[in-house]
Amino acid sequence: MSKKRRQHSPEFKFKVALEAAKGNKTLAEVASDAGVHPNQISQWKSQLLEEGAALFRRGGDRSVQEFEKREAELYEQIGRLQMELDWLKKKAARFD
């Protein structure tokens, strides 16, 4: 019978990875305390160390900037289309 895979919350992963990154305990000790395999903790730790620097970059997250730029373009397009629709309604009213 297969065992169901556990899914850990991002908060739990962060807490365990941070504990491993501190270096106060060995990886095996952190793994036994958390009930997770040491290889998994190593992956979480490396991910934390690689992506943790993104929190402190100037200009914020690129995906957020790209989203805001795309959102502004779409609102501009909505405004343009609304103006065209109003103009067409005025012109169509002449033929009624």
N, C-alpha and C. Protein backbone atom coordinates (compact mmCIF):
# COMPACT_ATOMS: atom_id res chain seq x y z
N MET A 1 0.84 -1.17 0.00
CA MET A 1 0.00 0.00 0.00
C MET A 1 0.89 1.24 0.00
N SER A 2 0.56 2.18 -0.87
CA SER A 2 1.40 3.37 -0.99
C SER A 2 1.06 4.38 0.10
N LYS A 3 2.05 5.11 0.48
CA LYS A 3 1.90 6.12 1.51
C LYS A 3 1.55 7.45 0.84
N LYS A 4 0.62 8.18 1.41
CA LYS A 4 0.24 9.47 0.85
C LYS A 4 1.35 10.50 1.12
N ARG A 5 1.67 11.27 0.11
CA ARG A 5 2.72 12.27 0.25
C ARG A 5 2.24 13.44 1.10
N ARG A 6 3.10 13.87 1.97
CA ARG A 6 2.77 15.02 2.80
C ARG A 6 3.07 16.31 2.04
N GLN A 7 2.23 17.27 2.22
CA GLN A 7 2.45 18.58 1.64
C GLN A 7 2.65 19.57 2.77
N HIS A 8 3.78 20.25 2.72
CA HIS A 8 4.12 21.19 3.79
C HIS A 8 3.80 22.62 3.35
N SER A 9 3.41 23.42 4.31
CA SER A 9 3.08 24.82 4.02
C SER A 9 4.37 25.59 3.75
N PRO A 10 4.26 26.69 3.02
CA PRO A 10 5.44 27.52 2.78
C PRO A 10 6.06 28.04 4.08
N GLU A 11 5.23 28.31 5.08
CA GLU A 11 5.74 28.81 6.35
C GLU A 11 6.60 27.75 7.04
N PHE A 12 6.13 26.50 7.00
CA PHE A 12 6.88 25.40 7.59
C PHE A 12 8.22 25.22 6.87
N LYS A 13 8.18 25.25 5.54
CA LYS A 13 9.41 25.09 4.75
C LYS A 13 10.41 26.20 5.08
N PHE A 14 9.89 27.43 5.17
CA PHE A 14 10.77 28.56 5.48
C PHE A 14 11.40 28.40 6.85
N LYS A 15 10.57 28.01 7.83
CA LYS A 15 11.07 27.86 9.20
C LYS A 15 12.17 26.79 9.27
N VAL A 16 11.94 25.65 8.63
CA VAL A 16 12.92 24.56 8.65
C VAL A 16 14.18 24.95 7.89
N ALA A 17 14.02 25.58 6.72
CA ALA A 17 15.18 25.99 5.93
C ALA A 17 16.00 27.04 6.67
N LEU A 18 15.33 27.95 7.34
CA LEU A 18 16.03 28.98 8.11
C LEU A 18 16.80 28.36 9.26
N GLU A 19 16.20 27.40 9.93
CA GLU A 19 16.88 26.70 11.02
C GLU A 19 18.13 25.99 10.50
N ALA A 20 18.02 25.38 9.32
CA ALA A 20 19.17 24.70 8.74
C ALA A 20 20.25 25.70 8.32
N ALA A 21 19.82 26.86 7.82
CA ALA A 21 20.78 27.87 7.37
C ALA A 21 21.52 28.52 8.53
N LYS A 22 20.88 28.59 9.69
CA LYS A 22 21.53 29.17 10.86
C LYS A 22 22.77 28.38 11.27
N GLY A 23 22.69 27.08 11.15
CA GLY A 23 23.84 26.24 11.47
C GLY A 23 24.00 25.92 12.94
N ASN A 24 23.01 26.22 13.76
CA ASN A 24 23.10 25.89 15.18
C ASN A 24 22.99 24.39 15.42
N LYS A 25 22.23 23.72 14.55
CA LYS A 25 22.06 22.28 14.64
C LYS A 25 22.56 21.65 13.34
N THR A 26 22.89 20.37 13.43
CA THR A 26 23.27 19.66 12.21
C THR A 26 22.02 19.42 11.37
N LEU A 27 22.24 19.10 10.11
CA LEU A 27 21.13 18.83 9.21
C LEU A 27 20.30 17.64 9.68
N ALA A 28 20.97 16.64 10.23
CA ALA A 28 20.27 15.46 10.74
C ALA A 28 19.39 15.81 11.94
N GLU A 29 19.88 16.71 12.80
CA GLU A 29 19.08 17.12 13.96
C GLU A 29 17.84 17.90 13.52
N VAL A 30 18.03 18.81 12.58
CA VAL A 30 16.90 19.58 12.07
C VAL A 30 15.89 18.64 11.41
N ALA A 31 16.39 17.66 10.67
CA ALA A 31 15.51 16.71 9.98
C ALA A 31 14.71 15.88 10.97
N SER A 32 15.34 15.42 12.02
CA SER A 32 14.61 14.61 13.00
C SER A 32 13.60 15.45 13.77
N ASP A 33 13.93 16.70 14.05
CA ASP A 33 12.98 17.58 14.75
C ASP A 33 11.76 17.88 13.88
N ALA A 34 11.99 18.08 12.58
CA ALA A 34 10.91 18.45 11.68
C ALA A 34 10.19 17.24 11.11
N GLY A 35 10.82 16.08 11.16
CA GLY A 35 10.21 14.88 10.59
C GLY A 35 10.26 14.86 9.09
N VAL A 36 11.32 15.43 8.53
CA VAL A 36 11.50 15.52 7.09
C VAL A 36 12.87 14.95 6.74
N HIS A 37 12.99 14.40 5.54
CA HIS A 37 14.26 13.83 5.10
C HIS A 37 15.31 14.94 4.95
N PRO A 38 16.56 14.65 5.33
CA PRO A 38 17.62 15.67 5.22
C PRO A 38 17.83 16.20 3.81
N ASN A 39 17.64 15.35 2.79
CA ASN A 39 17.79 15.84 1.41
C ASN A 39 16.76 16.91 1.08
N GLN A 40 15.55 16.74 1.59
CA GLN A 40 14.50 17.73 1.36
C GLN A 40 14.86 19.05 2.03
N ILE A 41 15.40 18.96 3.22
CA ILE A 41 15.80 20.18 3.93
C ILE A 41 16.94 20.88 3.18
N SER A 42 17.85 20.11 2.62
CA SER A 42 18.93 20.70 1.84
C SER A 42 18.39 21.44 0.63
N GLN A 43 17.37 20.88 -0.02
CA GLN A 43 16.76 21.56 -1.17
C GLN A 43 16.09 22.86 -0.74
N TRP A 44 15.35 22.80 0.35
CA TRP A 44 14.68 24.01 0.85
C TRP A 44 15.69 25.07 1.25
N LYS A 45 16.79 24.64 1.87
CA LYS A 45 17.83 25.58 2.30
C LYS A 45 18.47 26.26 1.10
N SER A 46 18.81 25.48 0.08
CA SER A 46 19.44 26.08 -1.11
C SER A 46 18.48 27.01 -1.82
N GLN A 47 17.20 26.65 -1.86
CA GLN A 47 16.20 27.52 -2.47
C GLN A 47 16.08 28.83 -1.69
N LEU A 48 16.11 28.73 -0.38
CA LEU A 48 16.04 29.93 0.46
C LEU A 48 17.24 30.84 0.22
N LEU A 49 18.42 30.25 0.16
CA LEU A 49 19.62 31.05 -0.02
C LEU A 49 19.70 31.67 -1.41
N GLU A 50 19.18 30.97 -2.43
CA GLU A 50 19.22 31.50 -3.79
C GLU A 50 18.18 32.59 -4.00
N GLU A 51 16.96 32.34 -3.54
CA GLU A 51 15.86 33.26 -3.82
C GLU A 51 15.64 34.29 -2.72
N GLY A 52 16.32 34.14 -1.61
CA GLY A 52 16.16 35.08 -0.51
C GLY A 52 16.65 36.47 -0.85
N ALA A 53 17.64 36.56 -1.72
CA ALA A 53 18.18 37.86 -2.10
C ALA A 53 17.16 38.68 -2.88
N ALA A 54 16.19 38.03 -3.51
CA ALA A 54 15.19 38.75 -4.29
C ALA A 54 14.33 39.66 -3.41
N LEU A 55 14.24 39.37 -2.13
CA LEU A 55 13.45 40.20 -1.23
C LEU A 55 14.04 41.59 -1.06
N PHE A 56 15.35 41.70 -1.22
CA PHE A 56 16.03 42.96 -0.94
C PHE A 56 16.50 43.70 -2.18
N ARG A 57 16.10 43.25 -3.35
CA ARG A 57 16.51 43.93 -4.59
C ARG A 57 15.78 45.25 -4.72
N ARG A 58 16.47 46.20 -5.34
CA ARG A 58 15.85 47.49 -5.61
C ARG A 58 14.86 47.33 -6.75
N GLY A 59 13.79 48.09 -6.69
CA GLY A 59 12.81 48.05 -7.75
C GLY A 59 11.75 46.98 -7.58
N GLY A 60 11.85 46.21 -6.53
CA GLY A 60 10.82 45.20 -6.28
C GLY A 60 10.93 44.00 -7.19
N ASP A 61 9.94 43.19 -7.13
CA ASP A 61 9.90 41.97 -7.91
C ASP A 61 9.54 42.27 -9.35
N ARG A 62 10.25 41.66 -10.28
CA ARG A 62 9.99 41.90 -11.70
C ARG A 62 8.60 41.46 -12.11
N SER A 63 8.13 40.36 -11.60
CA SER A 63 6.82 39.89 -12.01
C SER A 63 5.74 40.88 -11.58
N VAL A 64 5.91 41.53 -10.45
CA VAL A 64 4.94 42.53 -10.00
C VAL A 64 4.98 43.73 -10.93
N GLN A 65 6.17 44.17 -11.31
CA GLN A 65 6.30 45.29 -12.22
C GLN A 65 5.69 44.97 -13.58
N GLU A 66 5.94 43.77 -14.08
CA GLU A 66 5.38 43.37 -15.37
C GLU A 66 3.86 43.31 -15.30
N PHE A 67 3.33 42.81 -14.18
CA PHE A 67 1.88 42.75 -14.00
C PHE A 67 1.27 44.14 -14.01
N GLU A 68 1.89 45.08 -13.28
CA GLU A 68 1.36 46.43 -13.22
C GLU A 68 1.42 47.13 -14.57
N LYS A 69 2.49 46.88 -15.31
CA LYS A 69 2.63 47.46 -16.65
C LYS A 69 1.55 46.91 -17.57
N ARG A 70 1.34 45.61 -17.53
CA ARG A 70 0.31 44.98 -18.37
C ARG A 70 -1.08 45.47 -17.98
N GLU A 71 -1.30 45.63 -16.69
CA GLU A 71 -2.59 46.12 -16.21
C GLU A 71 -2.86 47.53 -16.72
N ALA A 72 -1.85 48.40 -16.69
CA ALA A 72 -2.01 49.77 -17.18
C ALA A 72 -2.31 49.77 -18.68
N GLU A 73 -1.64 48.91 -19.43
CA GLU A 73 -1.90 48.83 -20.88
C GLU A 73 -3.33 48.38 -21.15
N LEU A 74 -3.81 47.42 -20.37
CA LEU A 74 -5.17 46.93 -20.58
C LEU A 74 -6.21 47.98 -20.22
N TYR A 75 -5.99 48.74 -19.16
CA TYR A 75 -6.92 49.81 -18.81
C TYR A 75 -6.93 50.90 -19.89
N GLU A 76 -5.77 51.17 -20.46
CA GLU A 76 -5.69 52.15 -21.55
C GLU A 76 -6.49 51.66 -22.76
N GLN A 77 -6.35 50.38 -23.06
CA GLN A 77 -7.08 49.80 -24.18
C GLN A 77 -8.59 49.82 -23.91
N ILE A 78 -9.00 49.54 -22.70
CA ILE A 78 -10.42 49.60 -22.34
C ILE A 78 -10.96 51.00 -22.56
N GLY A 79 -10.22 52.00 -22.13
CA GLY A 79 -10.64 53.39 -22.32
C GLY A 79 -10.78 53.74 -23.79
N ARG A 80 -9.82 53.32 -24.59
CA ARG A 80 -9.86 53.59 -26.03
C ARG A 80 -11.08 52.91 -26.67
N LEU A 81 -11.32 51.67 -26.32
CA LEU A 81 -12.46 50.95 -26.88
C LEU A 81 -13.78 51.55 -26.44
N GLN A 82 -13.84 52.04 -25.22
CA GLN A 82 -15.07 52.69 -24.73
C GLN A 82 -15.35 53.96 -25.52
N MET A 83 -14.30 54.73 -25.81
CA MET A 83 -14.47 55.95 -26.60
C MET A 83 -14.95 55.61 -28.01
N GLU A 84 -14.38 54.58 -28.62
CA GLU A 84 -14.79 54.17 -29.96
C GLU A 84 -16.24 53.71 -29.96
N LEU A 85 -16.65 52.98 -28.94
CA LEU A 85 -18.02 52.51 -28.84
C LEU A 85 -18.99 53.68 -28.72
N ASP A 86 -18.65 54.65 -27.89
CA ASP A 86 -19.50 55.83 -27.74
C ASP A 86 -19.63 56.58 -29.07
N TRP A 87 -18.52 56.71 -29.79
CA TRP A 87 -18.53 57.40 -31.08
C TRP A 87 -19.41 56.65 -32.08
N LEU A 88 -19.29 55.32 -32.12
CA LEU A 88 -20.10 54.52 -33.03
C LEU A 88 -21.58 54.59 -32.68
N LYS A 89 -21.91 54.65 -31.41
CA LYS A 89 -23.31 54.78 -31.00
C LYS A 89 -23.89 56.10 -31.47
N LYS A 90 -23.10 57.19 -31.38
CA LYS A 90 -23.57 58.49 -31.85
C LYS A 90 -23.80 58.48 -33.34
N LYS A 91 -22.86 57.87 -34.08
CA LYS A 91 -22.98 57.82 -35.54
C LYS A 91 -24.15 56.93 -35.96
N ALA A 92 -24.38 55.83 -35.26
CA ALA A 92 -25.47 54.92 -35.59
C ALA A 92 -26.82 55.53 -35.28
N ALA A 93 -26.86 56.45 -34.32
CA ALA A 93 -28.13 57.10 -33.96
C ALA A 93 -28.66 57.94 -35.10
N ARG A 94 -27.81 58.43 -35.98
CA ARG A 94 -28.24 59.24 -37.12
C ARG A 94 -29.06 58.42 -38.10
N PHE A 95 -28.78 57.13 -38.20
CA PHE A 95 -29.45 56.31 -39.20
C PHE A 95 -30.77 55.74 -38.72
N ASP A 96 -31.14 55.96 -37.48
CA ASP A 96 -32.41 55.45 -36.97
C ASP A 96 -33.57 56.33 -37.33
